[in-house]
Amino acid sequence: MDTGIIQEKVLKTTDRFHKMRLECLLPDLSKREYELLAVVQDYMDGHSGGNSGNDEKNGSGRNGSGICISGLAKRLQVSSPAVSRMVGTLEEKGYIGRGTGKEDRRNIYITLTQKGKEAKAASEAALCGLMERVTLRMGEQDMEELLRLWNRLADIMEKELETKHV
């Protein structure tokens, strides 16, 4: 098969995945807002016992319970202004709260509210339900093969991008 045809098929299939409207499963959230809630929740779950020696003084962006805007931006791989806009929207919806640092009050930390935890849990349940149905229809063996090949493709593409042949 012609590599140009294969490239076109890969790009078209990738584009189909990007265009999927997963928002219909998410209550009042965009995909990026859901991702932000998930990052905040994961961070809070991993740091609820304290800051493990990494605090405001050494620039880690932790205060033991919340994550700073720059930490969110880094994890989401988007700009801090974009994260700030999402944070503002989610705060208006009542899904997140802001707090200041104990040692440096200029630092703002983001936490999930109870409403945010519930929205994230409902969204996660809807997405898990979708993936369960898809896996049942596709078959576990085919899904495992797809994931194996998809990861292999991602590994190869990452290595190619590292060499900057693009």
C-alpha atoms as a PDB file:
ATOM      1  CA  MET A   1       0.000   0.000   0.000  1.00  0.00           C
ATOM      2  CA  ASP A   2       1.175   3.516  -0.810  1.00  0.00           C
ATOM      3  CA  THR A   3       2.558   5.323   2.279  1.00  0.00           C
ATOM      4  CA  GLY A   4       0.727   8.500   1.183  1.00  0.00           C
ATOM      5  CA  ILE A   5      -2.592   6.653   1.383  1.00  0.00           C
ATOM      6  CA  ILE A   6      -1.679   5.239   4.806  1.00  0.00           C
ATOM      7  CA  GLN A   7      -0.703   8.706   6.055  1.00  0.00           C
ATOM      8  CA  GLU A   8      -4.011  10.119   4.839  1.00  0.00           C
ATOM      9  CA  LYS A   9      -5.957   7.325   6.562  1.00  0.00           C
ATOM     10  CA  VAL A  10      -4.083   7.873   9.832  1.00  0.00           C
ATOM     11  CA  LEU A  11      -4.728  11.617   9.719  1.00  0.00           C
ATOM     12  CA  LYS A  12      -8.418  11.156   8.879  1.00  0.00           C
ATOM     13  CA  THR A  13      -8.926   8.632  11.674  1.00  0.00           C
ATOM     14  CA  THR A  14      -7.068  10.830  14.162  1.00  0.00           C
ATOM     15  CA  ASP A  15      -9.209  13.760  13.076  1.00  0.00           C
ATOM     16  CA  ARG A  16     -12.370  11.699  13.671  1.00  0.00           C
ATOM     17  CA  PHE A  17     -11.276  11.070  17.260  1.00  0.00           C
ATOM     18  CA  HIS A  18     -10.555  14.763  17.823  1.00  0.00           C
ATOM     19  CA  LYS A  19     -13.992  15.709  16.495  1.00  0.00           C
ATOM     20  CA  MET A  20     -15.910  13.318  18.740  1.00  0.00           C
ATOM     21  CA  ARG A  21     -18.293  15.290  20.911  1.00  0.00           C
ATOM     22  CA  LEU A  22     -17.616  13.748  24.305  1.00  0.00           C
ATOM     23  CA  GLU A  23     -19.137  16.854  25.867  1.00  0.00           C
ATOM     24  CA  CYS A  24     -22.570  15.251  25.463  1.00  0.00           C
ATOM     25  CA  LEU A  25     -21.519  12.883  28.273  1.00  0.00           C
ATOM     26  CA  LEU A  26     -20.182  15.628  30.520  1.00  0.00           C
ATOM     27  CA  PRO A  27     -22.635  17.592  32.671  1.00  0.00           C
ATOM     28  CA  ASP A  28     -22.036  21.281  31.926  1.00  0.00           C
ATOM     29  CA  LEU A  29     -18.321  20.770  31.151  1.00  0.00           C
ATOM     30  CA  SER A  30     -16.064  20.978  28.115  1.00  0.00           C
ATOM     31  CA  LYS A  31     -13.413  18.282  27.598  1.00  0.00           C
ATOM     32  CA  ARG A  32     -10.700  20.701  28.759  1.00  0.00           C
ATOM     33  CA  GLU A  33     -12.702  21.699  31.865  1.00  0.00           C
ATOM     34  CA  TYR A  34     -13.133  18.017  32.721  1.00  0.00           C
ATOM     35  CA  GLU A  35      -9.384  17.511  32.284  1.00  0.00           C
ATOM     36  CA  LEU A  36      -8.706  20.442  34.603  1.00  0.00           C
ATOM     37  CA  LEU A  37     -11.037  19.027  37.271  1.00  0.00           C
ATOM     38  CA  ALA A  38      -9.344  15.631  36.917  1.00  0.00           C
ATOM     39  CA  VAL A  39      -5.871  17.150  37.339  1.00  0.00           C
ATOM     40  CA  VAL A  40      -6.947  19.108  40.432  1.00  0.00           C
ATOM     41  CA  GLN A  41      -8.590  15.993  41.912  1.00  0.00           C
ATOM     42  CA  ASP A  42      -5.546  13.807  41.204  1.00  0.00           C
ATOM     43  CA  TYR A  43      -3.276  16.434  42.700  1.00  0.00           C
ATOM     44  CA  MET A  44      -5.417  16.819  45.811  1.00  0.00           C
ATOM     45  CA  ASP A  45      -5.642  13.045  46.261  1.00  0.00           C
ATOM     46  CA  GLY A  46      -1.854  12.747  45.996  1.00  0.00           C
ATOM     47  CA  HIS A  47      -1.077  15.658  48.311  1.00  0.00           C
ATOM     48  CA  SER A  48      -3.788  15.563  50.950  1.00  0.00           C
ATOM     49  CA  GLY A  49      -1.389  14.392  53.641  1.00  0.00           C
ATOM     50  CA  GLY A  50       0.781  17.482  53.507  1.00  0.00           C
ATOM     51  CA  ASN A  51       3.337  18.885  51.192  1.00  0.00           C
ATOM     52  CA  SER A  52       6.085  16.292  51.659  1.00  0.00           C
ATOM     53  CA  GLY A  53       8.748  18.961  51.980  1.00  0.00           C
ATOM     54  CA  ASN A  54       7.794  20.616  48.699  1.00  0.00           C
ATOM     55  CA  ASP A  55       6.145  23.887  49.562  1.00  0.00           C
ATOM     56  CA  GLU A  56       5.787  27.455  48.379  1.00  0.00           C
ATOM     57  CA  LYS A  57       9.368  28.328  49.326  1.00  0.00           C
ATOM     58  CA  ASN A  58      10.942  25.998  46.786  1.00  0.00           C
ATOM     59  CA  GLY A  59       8.541  26.921  43.988  1.00  0.00           C
ATOM     60  CA  SER A  60       6.800  23.587  43.670  1.00  0.00           C
ATOM     61  CA  GLY A  61       3.385  25.229  43.679  1.00  0.00           C
ATOM     62  CA  ARG A  62       2.023  23.139  46.529  1.00  0.00           C
ATOM     63  CA  ASN A  63       0.380  24.031  49.778  1.00  0.00           C
ATOM     64  CA  GLY A  64      -0.743  20.574  50.794  1.00  0.00           C
ATOM     65  CA  SER A  65      -4.269  20.787  49.417  1.00  0.00           C
ATOM     66  CA  GLY A  66      -4.434  22.757  46.184  1.00  0.00           C
ATOM     67  CA  ILE A  67      -2.503  23.289  42.988  1.00  0.00           C
ATOM     68  CA  CYS A  68      -1.370  26.615  41.573  1.00  0.00           C
ATOM     69  CA  ILE A  69      -2.238  27.933  38.099  1.00  0.00           C
ATOM     70  CA  SER A  70       1.277  27.317  36.763  1.00  0.00           C
ATOM     71  CA  GLY A  71       1.141  23.707  38.006  1.00  0.00           C
ATOM     72  CA  LEU A  72      -2.178  23.209  36.234  1.00  0.00           C
ATOM     73  CA  ALA A  73      -0.825  24.791  33.044  1.00  0.00           C
ATOM     74  CA  LYS A  74       2.190  22.484  33.084  1.00  0.00           C
ATOM     75  CA  ARG A  75       0.091  19.343  33.631  1.00  0.00           C
ATOM     76  CA  LEU A  76      -2.508  20.342  31.018  1.00  0.00           C
ATOM     77  CA  GLN A  77       0.197  21.557  28.603  1.00  0.00           C
ATOM     78  CA  VAL A  78      -1.557  24.866  27.977  1.00  0.00           C
ATOM     79  CA  SER A  79      -0.700  28.472  28.808  1.00  0.00           C
ATOM     80  CA  SER A  80      -1.311  29.955  32.246  1.00  0.00           C
ATOM     81  CA  PRO A  81      -3.734  32.570  30.798  1.00  0.00           C
ATOM     82  CA  ALA A  82      -5.803  29.761  29.240  1.00  0.00           C
ATOM     83  CA  VAL A  83      -5.898  27.952  32.592  1.00  0.00           C
ATOM     84  CA  SER A  84      -6.861  31.175  34.352  1.00  0.00           C
ATOM     85  CA  ARG A  85      -9.841  31.588  31.995  1.00  0.00           C
ATOM     86  CA  MET A  86     -10.965  27.999  32.611  1.00  0.00           C
ATOM     87  CA  VAL A  87     -10.526  28.455  36.359  1.00  0.00           C
ATOM     88  CA  GLY A  88     -12.705  31.574  36.227  1.00  0.00           C
ATOM     89  CA  THR A  89     -15.445  29.703  34.359  1.00  0.00           C
ATOM     90  CA  LEU A  90     -15.308  26.707  36.699  1.00  0.00           C
ATOM     91  CA  GLU A  91     -15.322  28.978  39.739  1.00  0.00           C
ATOM     92  CA  GLU A  92     -18.471  30.711  38.423  1.00  0.00           C
ATOM     93  CA  LYS A  93     -20.085  27.266  38.066  1.00  0.00           C
ATOM     94  CA  GLY A  94     -19.132  26.479  41.656  1.00  0.00           C
ATOM     95  CA  TYR A  95     -16.828  23.563  40.755  1.00  0.00           C
ATOM     96  CA  ILE A  96     -13.582  24.963  42.136  1.00  0.00           C
ATOM     97  CA  GLY A  97     -12.385  27.276  44.857  1.00  0.00           C
ATOM     98  CA  ARG A  98      -9.352  29.486  45.192  1.00  0.00           C
ATOM     99  CA  GLY A  99      -7.202  29.971  48.243  1.00  0.00           C
ATOM    100  CA  THR A 100      -3.990  31.820  49.014  1.00  0.00           C
ATOM    101  CA  GLY A 101      -0.702  30.387  50.161  1.00  0.00           C
ATOM    102  CA  LYS A 102       0.096  30.289  53.861  1.00  0.00           C
ATOM    103  CA  GLU A 103       3.606  31.680  53.487  1.00  0.00           C
ATOM    104  CA  ASP A 104       3.219  33.757  50.326  1.00  0.00           C
ATOM    105  CA  ARG A 105      -0.258  35.186  49.972  1.00  0.00           C
ATOM    106  CA  ARG A 106       0.441  36.105  46.332  1.00  0.00           C
ATOM    107  CA  ASN A 107       0.186  32.429  45.379  1.00  0.00           C
ATOM    108  CA  ILE A 108      -3.307  31.250  44.468  1.00  0.00           C
ATOM    109  CA  TYR A 109      -4.196  27.573  44.910  1.00  0.00           C
ATOM    110  CA  ILE A 110      -7.061  25.777  43.216  1.00  0.00           C
ATOM    111  CA  THR A 111      -9.167  23.103  44.925  1.00  0.00           C
ATOM    112  CA  LEU A 112     -12.327  21.228  43.989  1.00  0.00           C
ATOM    113  CA  THR A 113     -15.559  22.061  45.753  1.00  0.00           C
ATOM    114  CA  GLN A 114     -18.009  19.302  46.654  1.00  0.00           C
ATOM    115  CA  LYS A 115     -19.998  20.263  43.549  1.00  0.00           C
ATOM    116  CA  GLY A 116     -16.803  19.957  41.479  1.00  0.00           C
ATOM    117  CA  LYS A 117     -16.047  16.523  42.915  1.00  0.00           C
ATOM    118  CA  GLU A 118     -19.589  15.405  42.082  1.00  0.00           C
ATOM    119  CA  ALA A 119     -19.396  16.776  38.515  1.00  0.00           C
ATOM    120  CA  LYS A 120     -16.036  15.087  37.966  1.00  0.00           C
ATOM    121  CA  ALA A 121     -17.341  11.783  39.350  1.00  0.00           C
ATOM    122  CA  ALA A 122     -20.486  11.926  37.178  1.00  0.00           C
ATOM    123  CA  SER A 123     -18.403  12.726  34.088  1.00  0.00           C
ATOM    124  CA  GLU A 124     -15.964   9.935  34.868  1.00  0.00           C
ATOM    125  CA  ALA A 125     -18.812   7.460  35.309  1.00  0.00           C
ATOM    126  CA  ALA A 126     -20.311   8.485  31.949  1.00  0.00           C
ATOM    127  CA  LEU A 127     -16.941   8.163  30.178  1.00  0.00           C
ATOM    128  CA  CYS A 128     -16.259   4.786  31.821  1.00  0.00           C
ATOM    129  CA  GLY A 129     -19.709   3.598  30.764  1.00  0.00           C
ATOM    130  CA  LEU A 130     -18.986   4.629  27.179  1.00  0.00           C
ATOM    131  CA  MET A 131     -15.645   2.824  27.156  1.00  0.00           C
ATOM    132  CA  GLU A 132     -17.223  -0.273  28.685  1.00  0.00           C
ATOM    133  CA  ARG A 133     -19.838  -0.386  25.897  1.00  0.00           C
ATOM    134  CA  VAL A 134     -17.212   0.258  23.221  1.00  0.00           C
ATOM    135  CA  THR A 135     -14.975  -2.503  24.605  1.00  0.00           C
ATOM    136  CA  LEU A 136     -17.906  -4.947  24.683  1.00  0.00           C
ATOM    137  CA  ARG A 137     -18.788  -4.177  21.064  1.00  0.00           C
ATOM    138  CA  MET A 138     -15.194  -4.269  19.857  1.00  0.00           C
ATOM    139  CA  GLY A 139     -14.154  -7.268  21.897  1.00  0.00           C
ATOM    140  CA  GLU A 140     -11.493  -7.375  24.570  1.00  0.00           C
ATOM    141  CA  GLN A 141      -8.891  -9.056  22.353  1.00  0.00           C
ATOM    142  CA  ASP A 142      -9.286  -6.519  19.538  1.00  0.00           C
ATOM    143  CA  MET A 143      -9.200  -3.669  22.041  1.00  0.00           C
ATOM    144  CA  GLU A 144      -5.949  -5.007  23.541  1.00  0.00           C
ATOM    145  CA  GLU A 145      -4.438  -5.295  20.051  1.00  0.00           C
ATOM    146  CA  LEU A 146      -5.556  -1.777  19.168  1.00  0.00           C
ATOM    147  CA  LEU A 147      -3.992  -0.399  22.344  1.00  0.00           C
ATOM    148  CA  ARG A 148      -0.758  -2.294  21.730  1.00  0.00           C
ATOM    149  CA  LEU A 149      -0.481  -0.898  18.200  1.00  0.00           C
ATOM    150  CA  TRP A 150      -1.649   2.581  19.209  1.00  0.00           C
ATOM    151  CA  ASN A 151       1.042   2.748  21.907  1.00  0.00           C
ATOM    152  CA  ARG A 152       3.652   1.478  19.470  1.00  0.00           C
ATOM    153  CA  LEU A 153       2.637   4.201  16.997  1.00  0.00           C
ATOM    154  CA  ALA A 154       2.821   6.849  19.755  1.00  0.00           C
ATOM    155  CA  ASP A 155       6.283   5.626  20.820  1.00  0.00           C
ATOM    156  CA  ILE A 156       7.598   5.766  17.254  1.00  0.00           C
ATOM    157  CA  MET A 157       6.083   9.199  16.618  1.00  0.00           C
ATOM    158  CA  GLU A 158       7.570  10.575  19.863  1.00  0.00           C
ATOM    159  CA  LYS A 159      11.011   9.282  18.905  1.00  0.00           C
ATOM    160  CA  GLU A 160      10.692  10.773  15.401  1.00  0.00           C
ATOM    161  CA  LEU A 161       9.662  14.130  16.836  1.00  0.00           C
ATOM    162  CA  GLU A 162      12.635  14.062  19.224  1.00  0.00           C
ATOM    163  CA  THR A 163      14.969  13.817  16.231  1.00  0.00           C
ATOM    164  CA  LYS A 164      13.257  16.893  14.724  1.00  0.00           C
ATOM    165  CA  HIS A 165      12.953  15.496  11.213  1.00  0.00           C
ATOM    166  CA  VAL A 166       9.606  17.243  10.927  1.00  0.00           C
END
